[in-house]
Amino acid sequence: MTKIPSPETRATMGPDATTGPDALSADRTISRRTVLGGAALIGAGALCLRATRASAQQKQKQADVQYVDKAPGADKCAGCAMFQAPDACQGVEGKISPEGWCNIYSPKA
């Protein structure tokens, strides 16, 4: 038979007591359903993140980035980190002139 401590004794035991009614019970377990549900949520979150990254890497339309075939200044597509010779860009759709420019221009390092 388990002896239940008096209120005075329980007050001195504190919340981290290992015996008595304040102790954490050994029957506090996590169900398999809870674990599987958490894993499913993590997996769904990872898929959403991957889809967001993929859409962020899609090329933009030339009109959306104000692309022009002749650069108005010294900054030209040929000097951009995203330019792919001879006539492509990592960030803009379509054929790109090395002499062109757009508002996502990023100089080569």
C-alpha atoms as a PDB file:
ATOM      1  CA  MET A   1       0.000   0.000   0.000  1.00  0.00           C
ATOM      2  CA  THR A   2       1.302   3.470  -0.952  1.00  0.00           C
ATOM      3  CA  LYS A   3       1.391   6.038   1.802  1.00  0.00           C
ATOM      4  CA  ILE A   4       0.119   9.452   0.694  1.00  0.00           C
ATOM      5  CA  PRO A   5       2.293  12.276   2.073  1.00  0.00           C
ATOM      6  CA  SER A   6       0.686  14.909   4.241  1.00  0.00           C
ATOM      7  CA  PRO A   7       0.144  18.439   2.820  1.00  0.00           C
ATOM      8  CA  GLU A   8       3.162  19.674   4.799  1.00  0.00           C
ATOM      9  CA  THR A   9       5.379  16.984   3.308  1.00  0.00           C
ATOM     10  CA  ARG A  10       4.072  17.623  -0.216  1.00  0.00           C
ATOM     11  CA  ALA A  11       4.892  21.325   0.140  1.00  0.00           C
ATOM     12  CA  THR A  12       8.548  20.452   0.763  1.00  0.00           C
ATOM     13  CA  MET A  13       8.728  17.932  -2.085  1.00  0.00           C
ATOM     14  CA  GLY A  14       8.501  20.507  -4.881  1.00  0.00           C
ATOM     15  CA  PRO A  15       7.406  19.967  -8.470  1.00  0.00           C
ATOM     16  CA  ASP A  16      10.334  17.705  -9.335  1.00  0.00           C
ATOM     17  CA  ALA A  17       9.551  15.099  -6.705  1.00  0.00           C
ATOM     18  CA  THR A  18      10.064  11.518  -7.731  1.00  0.00           C
ATOM     19  CA  THR A  19       7.469   9.926  -5.466  1.00  0.00           C
ATOM     20  CA  GLY A  20       3.966  10.668  -4.330  1.00  0.00           C
ATOM     21  CA  PRO A  21       1.038  12.324  -6.087  1.00  0.00           C
ATOM     22  CA  ASP A  22       3.203  15.186  -7.442  1.00  0.00           C
ATOM     23  CA  ALA A  23       5.549  12.800  -9.218  1.00  0.00           C
ATOM     24  CA  LEU A  24       5.335  12.351 -12.969  1.00  0.00           C
ATOM     25  CA  SER A  25       3.545   9.115 -13.600  1.00  0.00           C
ATOM     26  CA  ALA A  26       5.166   6.360 -15.597  1.00  0.00           C
ATOM     27  CA  ASP A  27       1.967   5.879 -17.594  1.00  0.00           C
ATOM     28  CA  ARG A  28       2.423   9.198 -19.439  1.00  0.00           C
ATOM     29  CA  THR A  29       3.288   7.825 -22.842  1.00  0.00           C
ATOM     30  CA  ILE A  30       3.062   9.185 -26.328  1.00  0.00           C
ATOM     31  CA  SER A  31       0.758   7.230 -28.562  1.00  0.00           C
ATOM     32  CA  ARG A  32       1.803   5.913 -31.937  1.00  0.00           C
ATOM     33  CA  ARG A  33      -1.006   7.980 -33.469  1.00  0.00           C
ATOM     34  CA  THR A  34       0.492  11.169 -32.009  1.00  0.00           C
ATOM     35  CA  VAL A  35       3.957  10.333 -33.332  1.00  0.00           C
ATOM     36  CA  LEU A  36       2.656   9.446 -36.800  1.00  0.00           C
ATOM     37  CA  GLY A  37       0.494  12.569 -36.885  1.00  0.00           C
ATOM     38  CA  GLY A  38       3.483  14.732 -36.009  1.00  0.00           C
ATOM     39  CA  ALA A  39       5.590  13.039 -38.668  1.00  0.00           C
ATOM     40  CA  ALA A  40       2.867  13.648 -41.254  1.00  0.00           C
ATOM     41  CA  LEU A  41       2.755  17.356 -40.356  1.00  0.00           C
ATOM     42  CA  ILE A  42       6.526  17.648 -40.663  1.00  0.00           C
ATOM     43  CA  GLY A  43       6.432  15.907 -44.038  1.00  0.00           C
ATOM     44  CA  ALA A  44       3.662  18.170 -45.307  1.00  0.00           C
ATOM     45  CA  GLY A  45       5.591  21.223 -44.149  1.00  0.00           C
ATOM     46  CA  ALA A  46       8.699  20.055 -45.988  1.00  0.00           C
ATOM     47  CA  LEU A  47       6.695  19.569 -49.191  1.00  0.00           C
ATOM     48  CA  CYS A  48       5.235  23.073 -48.912  1.00  0.00           C
ATOM     49  CA  LEU A  49       8.693  24.548 -48.387  1.00  0.00           C
ATOM     50  CA  ARG A  50      10.052  22.674 -51.401  1.00  0.00           C
ATOM     51  CA  ALA A  51       7.163  23.882 -53.575  1.00  0.00           C
ATOM     52  CA  THR A  52       7.745  27.467 -52.431  1.00  0.00           C
ATOM     53  CA  ARG A  53      11.431  27.265 -53.286  1.00  0.00           C
ATOM     54  CA  ALA A  54      10.663  25.778 -56.693  1.00  0.00           C
ATOM     55  CA  SER A  55       8.223  28.554 -57.532  1.00  0.00           C
ATOM     56  CA  ALA A  56      10.711  31.173 -56.326  1.00  0.00           C
ATOM     57  CA  GLN A  57      13.267  29.776 -58.786  1.00  0.00           C
ATOM     58  CA  GLN A  58      10.944  30.048 -61.798  1.00  0.00           C
ATOM     59  CA  LYS A  59      11.938  32.539 -64.436  1.00  0.00           C
ATOM     60  CA  GLN A  60      10.070  35.812 -64.645  1.00  0.00           C
ATOM     61  CA  LYS A  61       8.557  37.337 -67.753  1.00  0.00           C
ATOM     62  CA  GLN A  62      10.608  39.986 -69.523  1.00  0.00           C
ATOM     63  CA  ALA A  63       7.860  42.590 -69.101  1.00  0.00           C
ATOM     64  CA  ASP A  64       7.679  41.947 -65.344  1.00  0.00           C
ATOM     65  CA  VAL A  65      11.383  42.791 -64.895  1.00  0.00           C
ATOM     66  CA  GLN A  66      11.311  45.684 -67.392  1.00  0.00           C
ATOM     67  CA  TYR A  67      13.809  43.950 -69.696  1.00  0.00           C
ATOM     68  CA  VAL A  68      15.221  46.006 -72.598  1.00  0.00           C
ATOM     69  CA  ASP A  69      17.512  44.822 -75.438  1.00  0.00           C
ATOM     70  CA  LYS A  70      19.817  47.845 -75.094  1.00  0.00           C
ATOM     71  CA  ALA A  71      20.981  48.809 -71.605  1.00  0.00           C
ATOM     72  CA  PRO A  72      20.389  52.490 -70.742  1.00  0.00           C
ATOM     73  CA  GLY A  73      23.667  52.603 -68.766  1.00  0.00           C
ATOM     74  CA  ALA A  74      26.856  50.666 -68.207  1.00  0.00           C
ATOM     75  CA  ASP A  75      25.123  47.737 -66.471  1.00  0.00           C
ATOM     76  CA  LYS A  76      24.514  45.102 -69.138  1.00  0.00           C
ATOM     77  CA  CYS A  77      23.290  41.516 -69.014  1.00  0.00           C
ATOM     78  CA  ALA A  78      26.768  40.276 -70.012  1.00  0.00           C
ATOM     79  CA  GLY A  79      28.018  41.626 -66.660  1.00  0.00           C
ATOM     80  CA  CYS A  80      25.176  40.109 -64.626  1.00  0.00           C
ATOM     81  CA  ALA A  81      25.689  37.075 -62.366  1.00  0.00           C
ATOM     82  CA  MET A  82      22.508  35.485 -63.747  1.00  0.00           C
ATOM     83  CA  PHE A  83      23.426  35.800 -67.435  1.00  0.00           C
ATOM     84  CA  GLN A  84      24.067  32.511 -69.250  1.00  0.00           C
ATOM     85  CA  ALA A  85      25.990  32.983 -72.480  1.00  0.00           C
ATOM     86  CA  PRO A  86      25.202  33.226 -75.274  1.00  0.00           C
ATOM     87  CA  ASP A  87      21.585  34.415 -74.799  1.00  0.00           C
ATOM     88  CA  ALA A  88      19.892  33.149 -71.625  1.00  0.00           C
ATOM     89  CA  CYS A  89      19.276  34.210 -68.033  1.00  0.00           C
ATOM     90  CA  GLN A  90      18.627  32.267 -64.827  1.00  0.00           C
ATOM     91  CA  GLY A  91      15.942  34.731 -63.768  1.00  0.00           C
ATOM     92  CA  VAL A  92      14.260  35.906 -66.992  1.00  0.00           C
ATOM     93  CA  GLU A  93      12.372  33.939 -69.645  1.00  0.00           C
ATOM     94  CA  GLY A  94      13.216  33.972 -73.323  1.00  0.00           C
ATOM     95  CA  LYS A  95      16.168  35.048 -75.406  1.00  0.00           C
ATOM     96  CA  ILE A  96      18.334  37.632 -73.631  1.00  0.00           C
ATOM     97  CA  SER A  97      20.769  39.999 -75.325  1.00  0.00           C
ATOM     98  CA  PRO A  98      24.209  40.388 -73.683  1.00  0.00           C
ATOM     99  CA  GLU A  99      23.720  44.131 -74.290  1.00  0.00           C
ATOM    100  CA  GLY A 100      20.330  44.132 -72.510  1.00  0.00           C
ATOM    101  CA  TRP A 101      19.310  45.096 -68.967  1.00  0.00           C
ATOM    102  CA  CYS A 102      16.477  44.452 -66.469  1.00  0.00           C
ATOM    103  CA  ASN A 103      15.610  45.494 -62.930  1.00  0.00           C
ATOM    104  CA  ILE A 104      16.910  42.254 -61.355  1.00  0.00           C
ATOM    105  CA  TYR A 105      20.428  42.956 -62.638  1.00  0.00           C
ATOM    106  CA  SER A 106      23.046  41.649 -60.231  1.00  0.00           C
ATOM    107  CA  PRO A 107      26.711  42.391 -61.012  1.00  0.00           C
ATOM    108  CA  LYS A 108      29.145  39.471 -61.174  1.00  0.00           C
ATOM    109  CA  ALA A 109      31.314  39.144 -58.087  1.00  0.00           C
END
